[in-house]
Amino acid sequence: MKLPGHDAIARQAGEHLVTHRVVLPRKVVERPIRQVLKRLIMALVVLVATAMVVYADHDGYHDNADGAVDLLDAFYYATVTLSTTGYGDITPVSDGARLANIFVITPLRVLFLIILVGTTLEVLTERTREEWRLNRWRSTLRDHTVVIGFGTKGRSAIRTVCATGLKKEQVVVVDPSSKVIDAANAEGYAGVIGDATRSDVLKRAEVHRARQIIVAPQRDDTSVLVTLTARQLNRSAKIVAAVREEENVPLLKQSGADAVITSSGAAGRLLGLSVLSPAAGMVMEDLIQQGSGLDLVERPVVRAEVGRKPRETDDLVVSVIRGHRVLGYDDPSVGTLQLTDRLITIVRATPAIQVTPDTRPLPDE
């Protein structure tokens, strides 16, 4: 047994931060310094435009100092006017100058203020915008896939599933590290920062409405706790978990996992196969890498195949799923194919072929 006691597990779970939040992928935006420079240039353009309007009709303005308005006075007047300071030492006296202030300079003043406070307004509205995005995301999220842990196992697993046609918008990653969630966001996945052993964190990932749950944390005891919590929140979802030690596989199945993969054992078997036959190892690696070369695909039996033997179909059939059993293609009990059967086949992966992953949990044999 590689798992710590219940008290140790509880202490470990309590040590994690209570705070957690949902992070959605964002579009690439400009750097803050570039945004500030752009706003500054726009403000200067408005200032120069205002000064040119004043200078073009400088005879219509009166300067209390010397009576005349030159180019410097025009820029001075534009500055104090746009900033709403308005000392009153330079004033429009002609009808044309006053009309220009009403229809030209006043709109420019409003535009100038909008440019200056635009960054502040954007910060003030960002929280509201983010809340709206989260509410809309929660209302539309259904039958999605939740990935617990976005390390090497979790990342490889979700890339494999997405290669079969699952949209990135239908994936939610849960991980306690904000840097890991940032990496998931960069790949287009929504993320929840927090400890996945806590039910409130899983609820933020909408686990209770998920179709598939991939449990791939770094520790086996964490996998057990996450699987228990996820199964309690969602009785119908397909849960696939990964563990390091084979002796912990029964614990995961008792916790509610539909399938358990031993990562170290699977890697060791692939290494052993590659030692015996490097070519066979390459073929196996190709089969488990979806979207290129040869792919393993599960699909239903079509009506045209009913009554045929597995070897009489167009695809290369490896196994037949019948009820609660997974039978080899050469198993005598298979006989001929039935409409309720499902086939595990090997197909050539092409961009035109996309098979939706099976959503039914495979019953225990």
Protein backbone atom coordinates (compact mmCIF):
# COMPACT_ATOMS: atom_id res chain seq x y z
CA MET A 1 0.00 0.00 0.00
CA LYS A 2 1.54 3.29 -1.11
CA LEU A 3 -1.17 5.58 0.26
CA PRO A 4 -0.78 7.59 3.49
CA GLY A 5 -3.33 7.33 6.30
CA HIS A 6 -6.62 9.20 6.33
CA ASP A 7 -5.36 11.84 8.79
CA ALA A 8 -2.29 12.52 6.67
CA ILE A 9 -4.44 12.88 3.57
CA ALA A 10 -6.76 15.30 5.38
CA ARG A 11 -3.83 17.39 6.58
CA GLN A 12 -2.37 17.48 3.07
CA ALA A 13 -5.70 18.61 1.59
CA GLY A 14 -6.06 21.30 4.27
CA GLU A 15 -2.65 22.73 3.49
CA HIS A 16 -3.78 23.82 0.01
CA LEU A 17 -5.04 27.35 -0.49
CA VAL A 18 -8.76 27.77 0.01
CA THR A 19 -8.96 30.45 -2.66
CA HIS A 20 -9.73 29.27 -6.17
CA ARG A 21 -10.96 30.85 -9.35
CA VAL A 22 -11.95 30.12 -12.93
CA VAL A 23 -9.69 31.41 -15.70
CA LEU A 24 -10.92 31.50 -19.29
CA PRO A 25 -8.68 31.73 -22.36
CA ARG A 26 -8.10 35.28 -23.54
CA LYS A 27 -7.36 36.74 -26.90
CA VAL A 28 -3.84 38.06 -27.38
CA VAL A 29 -3.76 41.74 -26.49
CA GLU A 30 -1.15 44.44 -26.85
CA ARG A 31 1.39 45.04 -24.12
CA PRO A 32 0.39 47.70 -21.55
CA ILE A 33 3.28 50.02 -22.49
CA ARG A 34 2.24 49.87 -26.13
CA GLN A 35 -1.35 50.70 -25.21
CA VAL A 36 -0.22 53.69 -23.14
CA LEU A 37 2.01 54.97 -25.96
CA LYS A 38 -0.82 54.62 -28.46
CA ARG A 39 -3.17 56.61 -26.21
CA LEU A 40 -0.49 59.25 -25.68
CA ILE A 41 0.03 59.67 -29.41
CA MET A 42 -3.71 59.98 -29.94
CA ALA A 43 -3.91 62.66 -27.23
CA LEU A 44 -1.06 64.61 -28.85
CA VAL A 45 -2.78 64.42 -32.22
CA VAL A 46 -5.96 65.86 -30.71
CA LEU A 47 -3.92 68.60 -29.02
CA VAL A 48 -2.15 69.57 -32.25
CA ALA A 49 -5.41 69.50 -34.20
CA THR A 50 -7.04 71.83 -31.66
CA ALA A 51 -4.08 74.24 -31.73
CA MET A 52 -4.21 74.35 -35.55
CA VAL A 53 -7.94 75.14 -35.46
CA VAL A 54 -7.29 78.03 -33.05
CA TYR A 55 -4.30 79.34 -34.97
CA ALA A 56 -6.16 79.21 -38.29
CA ASP A 57 -8.62 81.72 -36.85
CA HIS A 58 -6.26 83.52 -34.46
CA ASP A 59 -7.75 86.92 -35.34
CA GLY A 60 -10.98 85.79 -33.71
CA TYR A 61 -9.27 85.35 -30.31
CA HIS A 62 -8.13 87.98 -27.82
CA ASP A 63 -5.13 87.65 -25.49
CA ASN A 64 -5.41 89.78 -22.35
CA ALA A 65 -1.62 90.11 -22.28
CA ASP A 66 -0.88 91.65 -25.67
CA GLY A 67 -4.10 91.29 -27.62
CA ALA A 68 -2.59 89.10 -30.37
CA VAL A 69 -2.63 85.26 -30.53
CA ASP A 70 0.41 83.59 -32.09
CA LEU A 71 1.25 79.88 -32.57
CA LEU A 72 2.49 79.49 -28.98
CA ASP A 73 -0.68 81.10 -27.69
CA ALA A 74 -2.71 78.71 -29.84
CA PHE A 75 -1.01 75.68 -28.26
CA TYR A 76 -1.39 77.22 -24.81
CA TYR A 77 -5.11 77.83 -25.38
CA ALA A 78 -5.56 74.29 -26.73
CA THR A 79 -3.82 72.82 -23.67
CA VAL A 80 -5.85 74.69 -21.04
CA THR A 81 -9.06 74.14 -22.99
CA LEU A 82 -8.69 70.39 -23.53
CA SER A 83 -7.67 69.88 -19.90
CA THR A 84 -10.77 71.92 -18.83
CA THR A 85 -8.52 74.30 -16.88
CA GLY A 86 -9.76 77.46 -18.69
CA TYR A 87 -7.85 80.40 -17.18
CA GLY A 88 -9.79 82.87 -19.33
CA ASP A 89 -6.76 84.90 -20.40
CA ILE A 90 -7.36 83.97 -24.06
CA THR A 91 -10.98 84.09 -25.21
CA PRO A 92 -12.83 83.74 -28.53
CA VAL A 93 -14.36 87.05 -29.49
CA SER A 94 -15.54 86.58 -33.10
CA ASP A 95 -18.57 84.58 -34.15
CA GLY A 96 -16.42 82.21 -36.19
CA ALA A 97 -14.13 81.48 -33.25
CA ARG A 98 -17.09 80.83 -30.96
CA LEU A 99 -18.73 78.51 -33.49
CA ALA A 100 -15.42 76.65 -33.83
CA ASN A 101 -15.35 76.22 -30.03
CA ILE A 102 -18.90 74.87 -30.05
CA PHE A 103 -18.70 72.44 -32.96
CA VAL A 104 -15.00 71.56 -33.16
CA ILE A 105 -13.03 72.26 -29.99
CA THR A 106 -15.68 70.99 -27.56
CA PRO A 107 -15.95 67.56 -29.29
CA LEU A 108 -12.14 67.44 -29.37
CA ARG A 109 -12.11 68.17 -25.63
CA VAL A 110 -14.48 65.28 -24.98
CA LEU A 111 -12.36 62.99 -27.18
CA PHE A 112 -9.22 64.10 -25.34
CA LEU A 113 -10.73 63.25 -21.96
CA ILE A 114 -11.95 59.87 -23.22
CA ILE A 115 -8.43 59.03 -24.40
CA LEU A 116 -6.90 60.03 -21.07
CA VAL A 117 -9.34 58.13 -18.88
CA GLY A 118 -9.78 55.22 -21.28
CA THR A 119 -7.29 53.01 -19.44
CA THR A 120 -8.97 53.70 -16.10
CA LEU A 121 -12.40 52.95 -17.52
CA GLU A 122 -11.08 49.73 -19.02
CA VAL A 123 -9.77 48.62 -15.62
CA LEU A 124 -13.07 49.49 -13.94
CA THR A 125 -15.13 47.53 -16.47
CA GLU A 126 -12.80 44.51 -16.67
CA ARG A 127 -14.29 42.86 -13.59
CA THR A 128 -17.84 43.23 -14.90
CA ARG A 129 -16.81 41.92 -18.31
CA GLU A 130 -15.07 38.91 -16.70
CA GLU A 131 -18.13 38.11 -14.59
CA TRP A 132 -20.28 38.24 -17.70
CA ARG A 133 -17.93 35.86 -19.53
CA LEU A 134 -17.93 33.42 -16.60
CA ASN A 135 -21.72 33.44 -16.31
CA ARG A 136 -22.12 32.89 -20.04
CA TRP A 137 -19.48 30.12 -19.96
CA ARG A 138 -21.25 28.32 -17.11
CA SER A 139 -24.66 28.58 -18.78
CA THR A 140 -23.44 27.02 -22.04
CA LEU A 141 -21.10 24.36 -20.64
CA ARG A 142 -22.63 20.90 -21.00
CA ASP A 143 -21.27 17.38 -21.58
CA HIS A 144 -17.70 18.65 -21.42
CA THR A 145 -14.42 17.02 -20.42
CA VAL A 146 -12.67 17.87 -17.15
CA VAL A 147 -8.93 17.23 -16.84
CA ILE A 148 -7.51 17.05 -13.32
CA GLY A 149 -3.81 17.85 -13.58
CA PHE A 150 -2.18 19.35 -16.64
CA GLY A 151 1.20 17.69 -16.43
CA THR A 152 2.65 15.37 -19.04
CA LYS A 153 -0.12 12.77 -18.58
CA GLY A 154 -3.03 15.20 -18.52
CA ARG A 155 -1.73 17.24 -21.46
CA SER A 156 -1.10 14.17 -23.60
CA ALA A 157 -4.49 12.69 -22.72
CA ILE A 158 -6.49 15.77 -23.67
CA ARG A 159 -4.52 16.30 -26.88
CA THR A 160 -5.38 12.72 -27.85
CA VAL A 161 -9.07 13.27 -27.15
CA CYS A 162 -9.09 16.60 -29.00
CA ALA A 163 -7.49 14.87 -32.00
CA THR A 164 -10.69 12.85 -32.38
CA GLY A 165 -12.87 15.95 -32.75
CA LEU A 166 -13.45 17.31 -29.23
CA LYS A 167 -13.46 21.13 -29.26
CA LYS A 168 -11.12 22.98 -26.91
CA GLU A 169 -14.09 25.02 -25.67
CA GLN A 170 -15.44 21.76 -24.20
CA VAL A 171 -12.37 21.16 -22.01
CA VAL A 172 -11.82 22.44 -18.46
CA VAL A 173 -8.44 21.98 -16.75
CA VAL A 174 -8.17 21.90 -12.94
CA ASP A 175 -4.77 22.41 -11.32
CA PRO A 176 -3.50 24.09 -8.13
CA SER A 177 -0.74 25.97 -9.99
CA SER A 178 -1.59 29.30 -11.63
CA LYS A 179 1.35 28.88 -14.02
CA VAL A 180 -0.03 25.54 -15.21
CA ILE A 181 -3.45 27.10 -15.77
CA ASP A 182 -1.81 29.92 -17.72
CA ALA A 183 -0.19 27.27 -19.94
CA ALA A 184 -3.59 25.60 -20.41
CA ASN A 185 -5.15 28.97 -21.32
CA ALA A 186 -2.40 29.52 -23.87
CA GLU A 187 -3.49 26.28 -25.58
CA GLY A 188 -7.13 27.39 -25.61
CA TYR A 189 -8.50 25.52 -22.56
CA ALA A 190 -10.51 27.03 -19.72
CA GLY A 191 -8.94 26.49 -16.31
CA VAL A 192 -9.81 26.37 -12.63
CA ILE A 193 -7.08 27.14 -10.11
CA GLY A 194 -7.52 25.09 -6.96
CA ASP A 195 -7.22 21.76 -5.16
CA ALA A 196 -9.27 19.19 -7.10
CA THR A 197 -9.83 17.09 -3.97
CA ARG A 198 -12.25 19.80 -2.79
CA SER A 199 -15.82 19.54 -4.03
CA ASP A 200 -16.23 23.32 -4.33
CA VAL A 201 -13.31 23.45 -6.78
CA LEU A 202 -14.77 20.65 -8.90
CA LYS A 203 -18.16 22.37 -8.86
CA ARG A 204 -16.53 25.47 -10.37
CA ALA A 205 -15.36 23.21 -13.19
CA GLU A 206 -18.99 22.08 -13.60
CA VAL A 207 -18.01 18.45 -12.92
CA HIS A 208 -21.62 17.58 -12.12
CA ARG A 209 -22.50 18.29 -15.78
CA ALA A 210 -19.38 16.77 -17.35
CA ARG A 211 -19.41 13.78 -19.69
CA GLN A 212 -15.81 12.67 -19.18
CA ILE A 213 -13.31 13.20 -16.35
CA ILE A 214 -9.59 12.55 -16.75
CA VAL A 215 -7.78 12.22 -13.42
CA ALA A 216 -4.03 12.68 -13.88
CA PRO A 217 -2.41 14.30 -10.82
CA GLN A 218 1.14 13.65 -9.68
CA ARG A 219 0.29 11.48 -6.65
CA ASP A 220 -1.73 8.29 -6.34
CA ASP A 221 -3.42 9.36 -3.09
CA THR A 222 -4.59 12.54 -4.81
CA SER A 223 -6.03 10.44 -7.64
CA VAL A 224 -8.07 8.41 -5.13
CA LEU A 225 -9.46 11.50 -3.38
CA VAL A 226 -10.26 13.26 -6.65
CA THR A 227 -11.99 10.18 -8.06
CA LEU A 228 -14.08 9.76 -4.91
CA THR A 229 -15.14 13.42 -4.97
CA ALA A 230 -15.84 13.47 -8.70
CA ARG A 231 -17.93 10.29 -8.56
CA GLN A 232 -19.93 11.70 -5.68
CA LEU A 233 -20.73 14.83 -7.73
CA ASN A 234 -21.40 12.99 -11.00
CA ARG A 235 -22.71 9.43 -11.03
CA SER A 236 -22.93 9.05 -14.80
CA ALA A 237 -19.67 10.56 -16.11
CA LYS A 238 -16.91 8.36 -17.50
CA ILE A 239 -13.92 8.65 -15.16
CA VAL A 240 -10.49 7.56 -16.35
CA ALA A 241 -7.65 7.80 -13.83
CA ALA A 242 -3.89 7.35 -13.91
CA VAL A 243 -1.75 5.90 -11.11
CA ARG A 244 1.94 5.21 -10.73
CA GLU A 245 1.76 1.95 -8.74
CA GLU A 246 -0.24 -1.06 -9.93
CA GLU A 247 -1.21 -2.02 -6.37
CA ASN A 248 -3.33 1.15 -6.20
CA VAL A 249 -5.45 0.21 -9.21
CA PRO A 250 -8.13 -1.61 -7.11
CA LEU A 251 -8.48 1.47 -4.90
CA LEU A 252 -9.18 3.67 -7.91
CA LYS A 253 -11.79 1.25 -9.24
CA GLN A 254 -13.46 1.05 -5.84
CA SER A 255 -13.46 4.84 -5.74
CA GLY A 256 -15.53 4.97 -8.93
CA ALA A 257 -13.07 5.03 -11.82
CA ASP A 258 -14.31 3.31 -14.98
CA ALA A 259 -10.77 2.72 -16.24
CA VAL A 260 -7.38 2.96 -14.53
CA ILE A 261 -4.09 3.27 -16.37
CA THR A 262 -0.80 2.47 -14.65
CA SER A 263 1.56 5.02 -16.14
CA SER A 264 4.80 3.40 -15.00
CA GLY A 265 3.61 -0.08 -15.98
CA ALA A 266 2.40 1.06 -19.41
CA ALA A 267 5.70 2.81 -20.09
CA GLY A 268 7.62 -0.27 -18.94
CA ARG A 269 5.64 -2.58 -21.20
CA LEU A 270 6.24 -0.30 -24.16
CA LEU A 271 9.95 -0.27 -23.34
CA GLY A 272 10.03 -4.06 -23.15
CA LEU A 273 8.18 -4.38 -26.46
CA SER A 274 10.64 -1.97 -28.08
CA VAL A 275 13.54 -4.07 -26.81
CA LEU A 276 12.06 -7.22 -28.32
CA SER A 277 11.06 -5.48 -31.54
CA PRO A 278 11.79 -1.77 -32.15
CA ALA A 279 9.43 -1.83 -35.13
CA ALA A 280 6.59 -3.20 -32.99
CA GLY A 281 7.27 -0.48 -30.44
CA MET A 282 7.01 2.15 -33.17
CA VAL A 283 3.70 0.69 -34.36
CA MET A 284 2.27 0.73 -30.81
CA GLU A 285 3.38 4.34 -30.34
CA ASP A 286 1.71 5.22 -33.62
CA LEU A 287 -1.53 3.51 -32.57
CA ILE A 288 -1.83 5.42 -29.29
CA GLN A 289 -1.05 8.75 -30.95
CA GLN A 290 -4.35 9.92 -32.40
CA GLY A 291 -4.57 11.97 -35.58
CA SER A 292 -1.54 10.62 -37.44
CA GLY A 293 -0.59 7.31 -39.03
CA LEU A 294 -2.71 4.46 -37.70
CA ASP A 295 -5.43 5.07 -35.11
CA LEU A 296 -7.38 2.79 -32.79
CA VAL A 297 -11.06 3.73 -33.11
CA GLU A 298 -14.17 2.47 -31.36
CA ARG A 299 -17.31 2.63 -33.48
CA PRO A 300 -20.74 0.97 -33.65
CA VAL A 301 -21.59 -1.81 -36.09
CA VAL A 302 -23.44 -0.51 -39.16
CA ARG A 303 -26.40 -2.37 -40.64
CA ALA A 304 -24.41 -3.50 -43.67
CA GLU A 305 -22.03 -5.38 -41.35
CA VAL A 306 -24.70 -7.25 -39.39
CA GLY A 307 -24.36 -11.00 -39.95
CA ARG A 308 -20.75 -10.78 -41.11
CA LYS A 309 -17.70 -12.03 -39.29
CA PRO A 310 -15.22 -9.46 -37.90
CA ARG A 311 -12.69 -10.21 -40.67
CA GLU A 312 -15.32 -9.63 -43.38
CA THR A 313 -15.69 -5.92 -42.63
CA ASP A 314 -13.86 -3.18 -44.55
CA ASP A 315 -11.92 -2.09 -41.44
CA LEU A 316 -9.30 -4.08 -39.59
CA VAL A 317 -11.21 -5.25 -36.49
CA VAL A 318 -9.16 -5.90 -33.36
CA SER A 319 -11.88 -6.55 -30.79
CA VAL A 320 -15.66 -6.74 -30.49
CA ILE A 321 -17.49 -5.16 -27.54
CA ARG A 322 -20.61 -7.15 -26.79
CA GLY A 323 -22.54 -6.24 -23.69
CA HIS A 324 -20.17 -6.45 -20.72
CA ARG A 325 -17.42 -8.28 -22.58
CA VAL A 326 -14.52 -7.27 -24.81
CA LEU A 327 -13.86 -10.17 -27.19
CA GLY A 328 -10.97 -10.72 -29.56
CA TYR A 329 -11.68 -10.75 -33.27
CA ASP A 330 -10.93 -14.51 -33.37
CA ASP A 331 -12.97 -15.44 -30.29
CA PRO A 332 -15.35 -18.28 -31.29
CA SER A 333 -18.10 -16.78 -29.16
CA VAL A 334 -18.25 -13.73 -31.40
CA GLY A 335 -19.74 -15.63 -34.33
CA THR A 336 -21.26 -12.95 -36.55
CA LEU A 337 -21.63 -9.27 -35.79
CA GLN A 338 -24.81 -7.92 -34.20
CA LEU A 339 -26.32 -4.46 -34.49
CA THR A 340 -25.73 -3.77 -30.79
CA ASP A 341 -22.02 -4.61 -30.99
CA ARG A 342 -19.23 -2.05 -31.05
CA LEU A 343 -15.92 -2.58 -32.84
CA ILE A 344 -12.36 -1.62 -31.97
CA THR A 345 -10.74 -1.07 -35.35
CA ILE A 346 -7.46 0.15 -36.80
CA VAL A 347 -7.90 2.85 -39.43
CA ARG A 348 -5.61 5.15 -41.37
CA ALA A 349 -5.84 8.63 -39.85
CA THR A 350 -6.67 11.37 -42.33
CA PRO A 351 -7.89 14.96 -41.80
CA ALA A 352 -11.32 13.91 -43.09
CA ILE A 353 -11.73 11.19 -40.47
CA GLN A 354 -12.89 12.35 -37.07
CA VAL A 355 -14.54 9.91 -34.71
CA THR A 356 -16.34 11.24 -31.67
CA PRO A 357 -15.05 9.51 -28.54
CA ASP A 358 -17.42 6.95 -27.08
CA THR A 359 -19.37 8.41 -24.18
CA ARG A 360 -20.48 5.15 -22.55
CA PRO A 361 -18.45 3.84 -19.60
CA LEU A 362 -17.09 0.38 -20.31
CA PRO A 363 -18.54 -2.05 -17.76
CA ASP A 364 -16.24 -4.19 -15.68
CA GLU A 365 -15.71 -7.67 -17.03
